Amino acid sequence: MKSSTAVISLLSAAAPLASAWGDLGHQAIAYVAQDFLSSETKSWAQDILSDTSTSYLANYATWADTFKYTSAGSFSKPYHYIDANDNPPSSCSVDYDRDCDGGGCVVAAISNYTGIMQSDSSSTDQNQALKFLIHFFGDIHQPLHDEALEVGGNDIDVKYSGSSTNLHHIWDTNMPEQYAGGYSLSDARAWATELTQSIKSGDYSDQSDDWLDGMDIDDPKDSAMTWASDSNSYVCTSVFSESQSQIEKDMDLAGDYYDQALPVIQVQFAKAGYRLGAWLNLIATGSTS
């Protein structure tokens, strides 16, 4: 991981990597995806997951974060991010050959588990692959999961509403939970309903078709790279925008920074859910809708 004096000049003790978007975000994204699944895809997914509840995707949205800390799942830890070795805020970019090392990354993981879903793999393998995809679509849309700087912001100490935390964590958890007013499954469902309405007939209705540009089920790696590059661009424009480039140690980011970041969080939740729904439709039926 490299640092940039243009952005910060501080390091904290190494901290555990956070979960992209936290439970609330991953569940909200899964609910948005559910809202855009065809009836055929819904039945297909419910059969694979053995879950016919109204939260059949959302119930497994955080499974991968629990699994990675087990002995059986430790191999999957690098699959939650891609370390873009770029130079924010002056330049942002993701390069697969440069940034996806031998241990794997979220782009390779989406490609791999998509292939398993399209194959004649066992029901157990398909169950696991689907749960990974539900989660990794959330991960790849969190800008700091597409960035190497200071371990994706984990090593940047800040405060949020007076509490000590780090930059990665406030994007994952503090800011989404502030907007939602909680972190329960019902909070995630309420936020997803709002986002789905925005996609269908609200603020995102005139741009959502563009979110599927570059989506090719026969080339999942390039598709995922498109999403990673899109998310990474916000590292320069929002996470470390010119107005926010001097993030100082223990700075409290619950005010203006939150106000500037919230629209990005909203649109990234919406993109992740809409793209996940379209991707699962493609796998199950060959059509995005």
C-alpha atoms as a PDB file:
ATOM      1  CA  MET A   1       0.000   0.000   0.000  1.00  0.00           C
ATOM      2  CA  LYS A   2       1.349   3.425  -0.814  1.00  0.00           C
ATOM      3  CA  SER A   3       0.684   6.788   0.748  1.00  0.00           C
ATOM      4  CA  SER A   4       0.316  10.233  -0.754  1.00  0.00           C
ATOM      5  CA  THR A   5       1.414  13.408   0.989  1.00  0.00           C
ATOM      6  CA  ALA A   6      -1.096  15.268  -1.162  1.00  0.00           C
ATOM      7  CA  VAL A   7      -3.820  13.402   0.653  1.00  0.00           C
ATOM      8  CA  ILE A   8      -2.549  12.666   4.156  1.00  0.00           C
ATOM      9  CA  SER A   9       0.614  12.371   6.137  1.00  0.00           C
ATOM     10  CA  LEU A  10      -0.527  10.030   8.853  1.00  0.00           C
ATOM     11  CA  LEU A  11      -0.725   6.350   9.625  1.00  0.00           C
ATOM     12  CA  SER A  12      -2.413   4.467  12.422  1.00  0.00           C
ATOM     13  CA  ALA A  13      -1.639   1.033  13.755  1.00  0.00           C
ATOM     14  CA  ALA A  14      -2.784  -1.660  11.354  1.00  0.00           C
ATOM     15  CA  ALA A  15      -6.492  -2.347  11.751  1.00  0.00           C
ATOM     16  CA  PRO A  16      -8.652  -5.225  10.505  1.00  0.00           C
ATOM     17  CA  LEU A  17     -10.191  -4.629   7.115  1.00  0.00           C
ATOM     18  CA  ALA A  18     -13.767  -3.449   7.402  1.00  0.00           C
ATOM     19  CA  SER A  19     -16.723  -4.926   5.618  1.00  0.00           C
ATOM     20  CA  ALA A  20     -17.775  -2.961   2.570  1.00  0.00           C
ATOM     21  CA  TRP A  21     -20.975  -1.088   3.389  1.00  0.00           C
ATOM     22  CA  GLY A  22     -21.506  -3.011   6.640  1.00  0.00           C
ATOM     23  CA  ASP A  23     -24.540  -5.238   7.128  1.00  0.00           C
ATOM     24  CA  LEU A  24     -27.024  -2.451   6.363  1.00  0.00           C
ATOM     25  CA  GLY A  25     -25.512  -1.609   2.997  1.00  0.00           C
ATOM     26  CA  HIS A  26     -25.093  -5.167   1.778  1.00  0.00           C
ATOM     27  CA  GLN A  27     -28.659  -6.022   2.753  1.00  0.00           C
ATOM     28  CA  ALA A  28     -30.090  -2.901   1.111  1.00  0.00           C
ATOM     29  CA  ILE A  29     -28.222  -3.725  -2.105  1.00  0.00           C
ATOM     30  CA  ALA A  30     -29.564  -7.288  -2.039  1.00  0.00           C
ATOM     31  CA  TYR A  31     -33.113  -6.021  -1.578  1.00  0.00           C
ATOM     32  CA  VAL A  32     -32.741  -3.661  -4.550  1.00  0.00           C
ATOM     33  CA  ALA A  33     -31.557  -6.634  -6.623  1.00  0.00           C
ATOM     34  CA  GLN A  34     -34.584  -8.656  -5.507  1.00  0.00           C
ATOM     35  CA  ASP A  35     -36.837  -5.851  -6.755  1.00  0.00           C
ATOM     36  CA  PHE A  36     -35.459  -6.270 -10.279  1.00  0.00           C
ATOM     37  CA  LEU A  37     -35.382 -10.056 -10.607  1.00  0.00           C
ATOM     38  CA  SER A  38     -37.739 -11.703 -13.053  1.00  0.00           C
ATOM     39  CA  SER A  39     -40.127 -14.283 -11.602  1.00  0.00           C
ATOM     40  CA  GLU A  40     -38.052 -17.024 -13.217  1.00  0.00           C
ATOM     41  CA  THR A  41     -34.822 -15.726 -11.696  1.00  0.00           C
ATOM     42  CA  LYS A  42     -36.490 -15.344  -8.313  1.00  0.00           C
ATOM     43  CA  SER A  43     -37.524 -19.010  -8.315  1.00  0.00           C
ATOM     44  CA  TRP A  44     -34.060 -20.037  -9.521  1.00  0.00           C
ATOM     45  CA  ALA A  45     -32.323 -18.105  -6.737  1.00  0.00           C
ATOM     46  CA  GLN A  46     -34.722 -19.272  -4.045  1.00  0.00           C
ATOM     47  CA  ASP A  47     -34.159 -22.868  -5.102  1.00  0.00           C
ATOM     48  CA  ILE A  48     -30.361 -22.547  -4.983  1.00  0.00           C
ATOM     49  CA  LEU A  49     -30.483 -20.845  -1.578  1.00  0.00           C
ATOM     50  CA  SER A  50     -33.315 -23.021  -0.204  1.00  0.00           C
ATOM     51  CA  ASP A  51     -35.005 -19.840   0.947  1.00  0.00           C
ATOM     52  CA  THR A  52     -38.471 -18.746  -0.112  1.00  0.00           C
ATOM     53  CA  SER A  53     -38.733 -15.832   2.336  1.00  0.00           C
ATOM     54  CA  THR A  54     -39.184 -12.216   1.311  1.00  0.00           C
ATOM     55  CA  SER A  55     -35.501 -11.631   2.131  1.00  0.00           C
ATOM     56  CA  TYR A  56     -34.104 -14.538   0.136  1.00  0.00           C
ATOM     57  CA  LEU A  57     -31.074 -12.601  -1.174  1.00  0.00           C
ATOM     58  CA  ALA A  58     -30.708 -10.169   1.724  1.00  0.00           C
ATOM     59  CA  ASN A  59     -30.499 -13.022   4.224  1.00  0.00           C
ATOM     60  CA  TYR A  60     -27.153 -14.027   2.692  1.00  0.00           C
ATOM     61  CA  ALA A  61     -25.767 -10.594   1.853  1.00  0.00           C
ATOM     62  CA  THR A  62     -23.227 -10.669   4.696  1.00  0.00           C
ATOM     63  CA  TRP A  63     -22.434 -14.394   4.660  1.00  0.00           C
ATOM     64  CA  ALA A  64     -19.092 -13.858   2.879  1.00  0.00           C
ATOM     65  CA  ASP A  65     -17.851 -11.535   5.632  1.00  0.00           C
ATOM     66  CA  THR A  66     -18.488 -14.211   8.256  1.00  0.00           C
ATOM     67  CA  PHE A  67     -17.114 -17.013   6.094  1.00  0.00           C
ATOM     68  CA  LYS A  68     -13.763 -15.298   5.463  1.00  0.00           C
ATOM     69  CA  TYR A  69     -12.904 -15.512   9.166  1.00  0.00           C
ATOM     70  CA  THR A  70     -13.383 -19.285   9.293  1.00  0.00           C
ATOM     71  CA  SER A  71     -10.612 -21.781   8.581  1.00  0.00           C
ATOM     72  CA  ALA A  72     -12.533 -22.997   5.542  1.00  0.00           C
ATOM     73  CA  GLY A  73     -13.067 -19.482   4.198  1.00  0.00           C
ATOM     74  CA  SER A  74      -9.787 -17.726   4.901  1.00  0.00           C
ATOM     75  CA  PHE A  75      -8.781 -18.155   1.250  1.00  0.00           C
ATOM     76  CA  SER A  76     -11.482 -15.644   0.292  1.00  0.00           C
ATOM     77  CA  LYS A  77     -10.166 -12.629   2.245  1.00  0.00           C
ATOM     78  CA  PRO A  78      -8.463 -11.005  -0.795  1.00  0.00           C
ATOM     79  CA  TYR A  79     -11.625 -11.451  -2.868  1.00  0.00           C
ATOM     80  CA  HIS A  80     -13.374  -8.509  -1.181  1.00  0.00           C
ATOM     81  CA  TYR A  81     -11.347  -5.738  -2.817  1.00  0.00           C
ATOM     82  CA  ILE A  82      -8.951  -4.745  -5.565  1.00  0.00           C
ATOM     83  CA  ASP A  83      -5.988  -2.578  -4.508  1.00  0.00           C
ATOM     84  CA  ALA A  84      -5.749   0.170  -7.100  1.00  0.00           C
ATOM     85  CA  ASN A  85      -2.189   1.507  -6.917  1.00  0.00           C
ATOM     86  CA  ASP A  86      -3.082   4.914  -8.266  1.00  0.00           C
ATOM     87  CA  ASN A  87      -2.465   8.406  -6.883  1.00  0.00           C
ATOM     88  CA  PRO A  88      -5.579  10.095  -5.478  1.00  0.00           C
ATOM     89  CA  PRO A  89      -6.710  12.807  -5.530  1.00  0.00           C
ATOM     90  CA  SER A  90      -4.648  13.761  -8.603  1.00  0.00           C
ATOM     91  CA  SER A  91      -5.385  10.540 -10.508  1.00  0.00           C
ATOM     92  CA  CYS A  92      -7.522   7.457 -10.032  1.00  0.00           C
ATOM     93  CA  SER A  93      -7.434   4.253 -12.068  1.00  0.00           C
ATOM     94  CA  VAL A  94      -7.733   0.489 -11.777  1.00  0.00           C
ATOM     95  CA  ASP A  95      -5.546  -1.872 -13.787  1.00  0.00           C
ATOM     96  CA  TYR A  96      -6.184  -5.603 -13.542  1.00  0.00           C
ATOM     97  CA  ASP A  97      -2.615  -6.720 -14.237  1.00  0.00           C
ATOM     98  CA  ARG A  98      -1.187  -4.151 -11.838  1.00  0.00           C
ATOM     99  CA  ASP A  99      -3.750  -4.367  -9.033  1.00  0.00           C
ATOM    100  CA  CYS A 100      -5.107  -7.935  -8.912  1.00  0.00           C
ATOM    101  CA  ASP A 101      -2.206  -9.908  -7.469  1.00  0.00           C
ATOM    102  CA  GLY A 102      -1.693 -13.670  -7.206  1.00  0.00           C
ATOM    103  CA  GLY A 103      -3.966 -13.908  -4.182  1.00  0.00           C
ATOM    104  CA  GLY A 104      -6.959 -12.800  -6.209  1.00  0.00           C
ATOM    105  CA  CYS A 105      -9.263  -9.798  -5.992  1.00  0.00           C
ATOM    106  CA  VAL A 106     -12.943  -8.906  -6.195  1.00  0.00           C
ATOM    107  CA  VAL A 107     -12.848  -8.662 -10.008  1.00  0.00           C
ATOM    108  CA  ALA A 108     -11.411 -12.156 -10.374  1.00  0.00           C
ATOM    109  CA  ALA A 109     -13.827 -13.475  -7.756  1.00  0.00           C
ATOM    110  CA  ILE A 110     -16.895 -12.144  -9.562  1.00  0.00           C
ATOM    111  CA  SER A 111     -15.605 -13.711 -12.776  1.00  0.00           C
ATOM    112  CA  ASN A 112     -14.871 -17.045 -11.113  1.00  0.00           C
ATOM    113  CA  TYR A 113     -18.155 -17.385  -9.236  1.00  0.00           C
ATOM    114  CA  THR A 114     -20.141 -16.310 -12.268  1.00  0.00           C
ATOM    115  CA  GLY A 115     -18.518 -19.187 -14.140  1.00  0.00           C
ATOM    116  CA  ILE A 116     -19.504 -21.610 -11.405  1.00  0.00           C
ATOM    117  CA  MET A 117     -23.110 -20.386 -11.589  1.00  0.00           C
ATOM    118  CA  GLN A 118     -23.109 -21.024 -15.335  1.00  0.00           C
ATOM    119  CA  SER A 119     -21.621 -24.513 -15.021  1.00  0.00           C
ATOM    120  CA  ASP A 120     -22.904 -27.921 -13.979  1.00  0.00           C
ATOM    121  CA  SER A 121     -21.317 -27.539 -10.560  1.00  0.00           C
ATOM    122  CA  SER A 122     -22.834 -29.205  -7.545  1.00  0.00           C
ATOM    123  CA  SER A 123     -25.725 -27.607  -5.681  1.00  0.00           C
ATOM    124  CA  THR A 124     -23.356 -26.919  -2.787  1.00  0.00           C
ATOM    125  CA  ASP A 125     -20.887 -25.080  -5.030  1.00  0.00           C
ATOM    126  CA  GLN A 126     -23.667 -23.089  -6.676  1.00  0.00           C
ATOM    127  CA  ASN A 127     -25.128 -22.166  -3.301  1.00  0.00           C
ATOM    128  CA  GLN A 128     -21.759 -20.826  -2.168  1.00  0.00           C
ATOM    129  CA  ALA A 129     -21.090 -19.073  -5.484  1.00  0.00           C
ATOM    130  CA  LEU A 130     -24.423 -17.248  -5.380  1.00  0.00           C
ATOM    131  CA  LYS A 131     -23.816 -16.063  -1.814  1.00  0.00           C
ATOM    132  CA  PHE A 132     -20.397 -14.794  -2.835  1.00  0.00           C
ATOM    133  CA  LEU A 133     -21.829 -12.895  -5.811  1.00  0.00           C
ATOM    134  CA  ILE A 134     -24.526 -11.239  -3.674  1.00  0.00           C
ATOM    135  CA  HIS A 135     -21.809  -9.922  -1.398  1.00  0.00           C
ATOM    136  CA  PHE A 136     -19.083  -9.073  -3.898  1.00  0.00           C
ATOM    137  CA  PHE A 137     -21.399  -6.856  -5.948  1.00  0.00           C
ATOM    138  CA  GLY A 138     -21.680  -4.746  -2.825  1.00  0.00           C
ATOM    139  CA  ASP A 139     -17.938  -4.773  -2.188  1.00  0.00           C
ATOM    140  CA  ILE A 140     -16.937  -3.660  -5.668  1.00  0.00           C
ATOM    141  CA  HIS A 141     -19.246  -0.632  -5.439  1.00  0.00           C
ATOM    142  CA  GLN A 142     -17.636   0.732  -2.250  1.00  0.00           C
ATOM    143  CA  PRO A 143     -14.994   3.175  -3.558  1.00  0.00           C
ATOM    144  CA  LEU A 144     -12.444   2.313  -0.867  1.00  0.00           C
ATOM    145  CA  HIS A 145     -12.634  -1.380  -1.803  1.00  0.00           C
ATOM    146  CA  ASP A 146     -11.162  -0.309  -5.141  1.00  0.00           C
ATOM    147  CA  GLU A 147      -8.240   1.617  -3.638  1.00  0.00           C
ATOM    148  CA  ALA A 148      -4.849   0.735  -2.124  1.00  0.00           C
ATOM    149  CA  LEU A 149      -4.103   4.050  -0.402  1.00  0.00           C
ATOM    150  CA  GLU A 150      -3.589   3.452   3.339  1.00  0.00           C
ATOM    151  CA  VAL A 151      -5.195  -0.014   3.165  1.00  0.00           C
ATOM    152  CA  GLY A 152      -8.277   1.401   1.500  1.00  0.00           C
ATOM    153  CA  GLY A 153      -8.541   4.117   4.128  1.00  0.00           C
ATOM    154  CA  ASN A 154      -8.385   1.704   7.074  1.00  0.00           C
ATOM    155  CA  ASP A 155      -5.175   3.349   8.280  1.00  0.00           C
ATOM    156  CA  ILE A 156      -6.556   6.879   8.207  1.00  0.00           C
ATOM    157  CA  ASP A 157      -7.690   7.761  11.738  1.00  0.00           C
ATOM    158  CA  VAL A 158     -10.663  10.110  11.909  1.00  0.00           C
ATOM    159  CA  LYS A 159     -13.594  10.786  14.203  1.00  0.00           C
ATOM    160  CA  TYR A 160     -17.287  10.546  13.484  1.00  0.00           C
ATOM    161  CA  SER A 161     -19.735  12.331  15.776  1.00  0.00           C
ATOM    162  CA  GLY A 162     -17.029  12.370  18.412  1.00  0.00           C
ATOM    163  CA  SER A 163     -16.120   8.667  18.192  1.00  0.00           C
ATOM    164  CA  SER A 164     -12.712   7.472  17.017  1.00  0.00           C
ATOM    165  CA  THR A 165     -12.817   5.368  13.851  1.00  0.00           C
ATOM    166  CA  ASN A 166     -11.173   5.315  10.414  1.00  0.00           C
ATOM    167  CA  LEU A 167     -12.049   6.605   6.970  1.00  0.00           C
ATOM    168  CA  HIS A 168     -12.930   3.195   5.580  1.00  0.00           C
ATOM    169  CA  HIS A 169     -15.321   2.498   8.435  1.00  0.00           C
ATOM    170  CA  ILE A 170     -17.257   5.719   8.056  1.00  0.00           C
ATOM    171  CA  TRP A 171     -17.931   4.889   4.400  1.00  0.00           C
ATOM    172  CA  ASP A 172     -18.899   1.321   5.256  1.00  0.00           C
ATOM    173  CA  THR A 173     -20.982   1.948   8.307  1.00  0.00           C
ATOM    174  CA  ASN A 174     -21.200   5.343  10.021  1.00  0.00           C
ATOM    175  CA  MET A 175     -22.542   7.382   7.126  1.00  0.00           C
ATOM    176  CA  PRO A 176     -25.012   4.773   5.813  1.00  0.00           C
ATOM    177  CA  GLU A 177     -26.363   4.139   9.315  1.00  0.00           C
ATOM    178  CA  GLN A 178     -26.734   7.870   9.950  1.00  0.00           C
ATOM    179  CA  TYR A 179     -28.908   8.214   6.860  1.00  0.00           C
ATOM    180  CA  ALA A 180     -30.961   5.085   7.533  1.00  0.00           C
ATOM    181  CA  GLY A 181     -31.417   5.877  11.212  1.00  0.00           C
ATOM    182  CA  GLY A 182     -30.477   2.312  12.161  1.00  0.00           C
ATOM    183  CA  TYR A 183     -28.989  -0.922  10.910  1.00  0.00           C
ATOM    184  CA  SER A 184     -31.737  -3.536  11.111  1.00  0.00           C
ATOM    185  CA  LEU A 185     -32.994  -5.666   8.226  1.00  0.00           C
ATOM    186  CA  SER A 186     -36.135  -3.531   8.160  1.00  0.00           C
ATOM    187  CA  ASP A 187     -33.992  -0.383   7.823  1.00  0.00           C
ATOM    188  CA  ALA A 188     -32.250  -1.993   4.853  1.00  0.00           C
ATOM    189  CA  ARG A 189     -35.611  -2.899   3.277  1.00  0.00           C
ATOM    190  CA  ALA A 190     -36.910   0.654   3.709  1.00  0.00           C
ATOM    191  CA  TRP A 191     -33.797   2.157   2.090  1.00  0.00           C
ATOM    192  CA  ALA A 192     -33.963  -0.341  -0.762  1.00  0.00           C
ATOM    193  CA  THR A 193     -37.601   0.523  -1.423  1.00  0.00           C
ATOM    194  CA  GLU A 194     -36.621   4.179  -1.698  1.00  0.00           C
ATOM    195  CA  LEU A 195     -33.759   3.369  -4.079  1.00  0.00           C
ATOM    196  CA  THR A 196     -35.892   1.088  -6.237  1.00  0.00           C
ATOM    197  CA  GLN A 197     -38.463   3.845  -6.646  1.00  0.00           C
ATOM    198  CA  SER A 198     -35.694   6.264  -7.642  1.00  0.00           C
ATOM    199  CA  ILE A 199     -34.485   3.795 -10.280  1.00  0.00           C
ATOM    200  CA  LYS A 200     -37.933   3.097 -11.685  1.00  0.00           C
ATOM    201  CA  SER A 201     -39.393   6.580 -11.791  1.00  0.00           C
ATOM    202  CA  GLY A 202     -37.284   8.977  -9.754  1.00  0.00           C
ATOM    203  CA  ASP A 203     -33.887  10.646  -9.874  1.00  0.00           C
ATOM    204  CA  TYR A 204     -32.093   7.621 -11.357  1.00  0.00           C
ATOM    205  CA  SER A 205     -34.662   6.659 -13.973  1.00  0.00           C
ATOM    206  CA  ASP A 206     -32.895   8.539 -16.764  1.00  0.00           C
ATOM    207  CA  GLN A 207     -29.472   7.035 -16.011  1.00  0.00           C
ATOM    208  CA  SER A 208     -30.085   3.464 -14.852  1.00  0.00           C
ATOM    209  CA  ASP A 209     -29.928   2.043 -18.381  1.00  0.00           C
ATOM    210  CA  ASP A 210     -26.404   3.452 -18.652  1.00  0.00           C
ATOM    211  CA  TRP A 211     -25.421   1.502 -15.524  1.00  0.00           C
ATOM    212  CA  LEU A 212     -25.636  -1.683 -17.588  1.00  0.00           C
ATOM    213  CA  ASP A 213     -23.227  -0.422 -20.268  1.00  0.00           C
ATOM    214  CA  GLY A 214     -20.336  -2.843 -20.646  1.00  0.00           C
ATOM    215  CA  MET A 215     -22.232  -5.668 -18.942  1.00  0.00           C
ATOM    216  CA  ASP A 216     -21.335  -8.887 -20.776  1.00  0.00           C
ATOM    217  CA  ILE A 217     -22.102 -12.206 -19.121  1.00  0.00           C
ATOM    218  CA  ASP A 218     -19.614 -13.848 -21.482  1.00  0.00           C
ATOM    219  CA  ASP A 219     -16.834 -11.554 -20.263  1.00  0.00           C
ATOM    220  CA  PRO A 220     -17.375 -11.207 -16.510  1.00  0.00           C
ATOM    221  CA  LYS A 221     -13.859  -9.979 -15.828  1.00  0.00           C
ATOM    222  CA  ASP A 222     -14.162  -6.957 -18.127  1.00  0.00           C
ATOM    223  CA  SER A 223     -17.673  -6.306 -16.825  1.00  0.00           C
ATOM    224  CA  ALA A 224     -16.411  -6.267 -13.249  1.00  0.00           C
ATOM    225  CA  MET A 225     -13.491  -4.041 -14.248  1.00  0.00           C
ATOM    226  CA  THR A 226     -15.996  -1.510 -15.582  1.00  0.00           C
ATOM    227  CA  TRP A 227     -17.725  -1.434 -12.197  1.00  0.00           C
ATOM    228  CA  ALA A 228     -14.434  -1.266 -10.281  1.00  0.00           C
ATOM    229  CA  SER A 229     -13.227   1.644 -12.403  1.00  0.00           C
ATOM    230  CA  ASP A 230     -16.522   3.465 -11.943  1.00  0.00           C
ATOM    231  CA  SER A 231     -16.334   3.038  -8.154  1.00  0.00           C
ATOM    232  CA  ASN A 232     -12.648   3.937  -7.997  1.00  0.00           C
ATOM    233  CA  SER A 233     -13.318   7.244  -9.753  1.00  0.00           C
ATOM    234  CA  TYR A 234     -15.172   8.431  -6.655  1.00  0.00           C
ATOM    235  CA  VAL A 235     -11.968   8.098  -4.644  1.00  0.00           C
ATOM    236  CA  CYS A 236     -10.705  11.173  -6.488  1.00  0.00           C
ATOM    237  CA  THR A 237     -13.989  13.052  -6.832  1.00  0.00           C
ATOM    238  CA  SER A 238     -15.526  12.374  -3.413  1.00  0.00           C
ATOM    239  CA  VAL A 239     -13.459  10.391  -0.910  1.00  0.00           C
ATOM    240  CA  PHE A 240     -10.416  12.599  -1.503  1.00  0.00           C
ATOM    241  CA  SER A 241     -11.859  15.418  -3.555  1.00  0.00           C
ATOM    242  CA  GLU A 242      -9.863  18.630  -3.792  1.00  0.00           C
ATOM    243  CA  SER A 243     -12.038  20.166  -1.079  1.00  0.00           C
ATOM    244  CA  GLN A 244     -11.449  17.139   1.162  1.00  0.00           C
ATOM    245  CA  SER A 245      -7.834  16.393   0.242  1.00  0.00           C
ATOM    246  CA  GLN A 246      -6.366  17.479   3.585  1.00  0.00           C
ATOM    247  CA  ILE A 247      -7.944  14.948   5.922  1.00  0.00           C
ATOM    248  CA  GLU A 248      -6.106  15.431   9.165  1.00  0.00           C
ATOM    249  CA  LYS A 249      -5.653  12.971  12.009  1.00  0.00           C
ATOM    250  CA  ASP A 250      -8.755  12.753  14.230  1.00  0.00           C
ATOM    251  CA  MET A 251     -10.746  15.167  12.051  1.00  0.00           C
ATOM    252  CA  ASP A 252     -14.481  14.723  12.675  1.00  0.00           C
ATOM    253  CA  LEU A 253     -16.200  13.986   9.356  1.00  0.00           C
ATOM    254  CA  ALA A 254     -19.831  13.894  10.476  1.00  0.00           C
ATOM    255  CA  GLY A 255     -20.676  17.337   9.062  1.00  0.00           C
ATOM    256  CA  ASP A 256     -19.888  18.700   5.604  1.00  0.00           C
ATOM    257  CA  TYR A 257     -18.017  15.556   4.592  1.00  0.00           C
ATOM    258  CA  TYR A 258     -21.140  13.459   5.218  1.00  0.00           C
ATOM    259  CA  ASP A 259     -23.270  15.888   3.203  1.00  0.00           C
ATOM    260  CA  GLN A 260     -20.902  15.568   0.230  1.00  0.00           C
ATOM    261  CA  ALA A 261     -20.523  11.795   0.513  1.00  0.00           C
ATOM    262  CA  LEU A 262     -24.186  10.814   0.914  1.00  0.00           C
ATOM    263  CA  PRO A 263     -25.194  11.248  -2.757  1.00  0.00           C
ATOM    264  CA  VAL A 264     -22.303   8.958  -3.751  1.00  0.00           C
ATOM    265  CA  ILE A 265     -23.332   6.318  -1.208  1.00  0.00           C
ATOM    266  CA  GLN A 266     -26.917   6.502  -2.468  1.00  0.00           C
ATOM    267  CA  VAL A 267     -26.039   6.094  -6.121  1.00  0.00           C
ATOM    268  CA  GLN A 268     -23.514   3.321  -5.435  1.00  0.00           C
ATOM    269  CA  PHE A 269     -26.122   1.348  -3.473  1.00  0.00           C
ATOM    270  CA  ALA A 270     -28.533   1.798  -6.362  1.00  0.00           C
ATOM    271  CA  LYS A 271     -25.980   0.798  -9.019  1.00  0.00           C
ATOM    272  CA  ALA A 272     -24.869  -2.260  -7.061  1.00  0.00           C
ATOM    273  CA  GLY A 273     -28.399  -3.545  -6.554  1.00  0.00           C
ATOM    274  CA  TYR A 274     -29.533  -2.811 -10.096  1.00  0.00           C
ATOM    275  CA  ARG A 275     -26.448  -4.431 -11.616  1.00  0.00           C
ATOM    276  CA  LEU A 276     -26.682  -7.456  -9.326  1.00  0.00           C
ATOM    277  CA  GLY A 277     -30.304  -7.987 -10.315  1.00  0.00           C
ATOM    278  CA  ALA A 278     -29.464  -7.685 -14.009  1.00  0.00           C
ATOM    279  CA  TRP A 279     -26.468 -10.019 -13.638  1.00  0.00           C
ATOM    280  CA  LEU A 280     -28.489 -12.736 -11.933  1.00  0.00           C
ATOM    281  CA  ASN A 281     -31.208 -12.379 -14.565  1.00  0.00           C
ATOM    282  CA  LEU A 282     -28.555 -12.900 -17.243  1.00  0.00           C
ATOM    283  CA  ILE A 283     -27.215 -16.027 -15.560  1.00  0.00           C
ATOM    284  CA  ALA A 284     -30.672 -17.518 -15.028  1.00  0.00           C
ATOM    285  CA  THR A 285     -32.520 -16.436 -18.173  1.00  0.00           C
ATOM    286  CA  GLY A 286     -30.099 -14.808 -20.624  1.00  0.00           C
ATOM    287  CA  SER A 287     -31.849 -11.436 -20.324  1.00  0.00           C
ATOM    288  CA  THR A 288     -31.149  -8.522 -17.996  1.00  0.00           C
ATOM    289  CA  SER A 289     -34.831  -7.905 -17.251  1.00  0.00           C
END
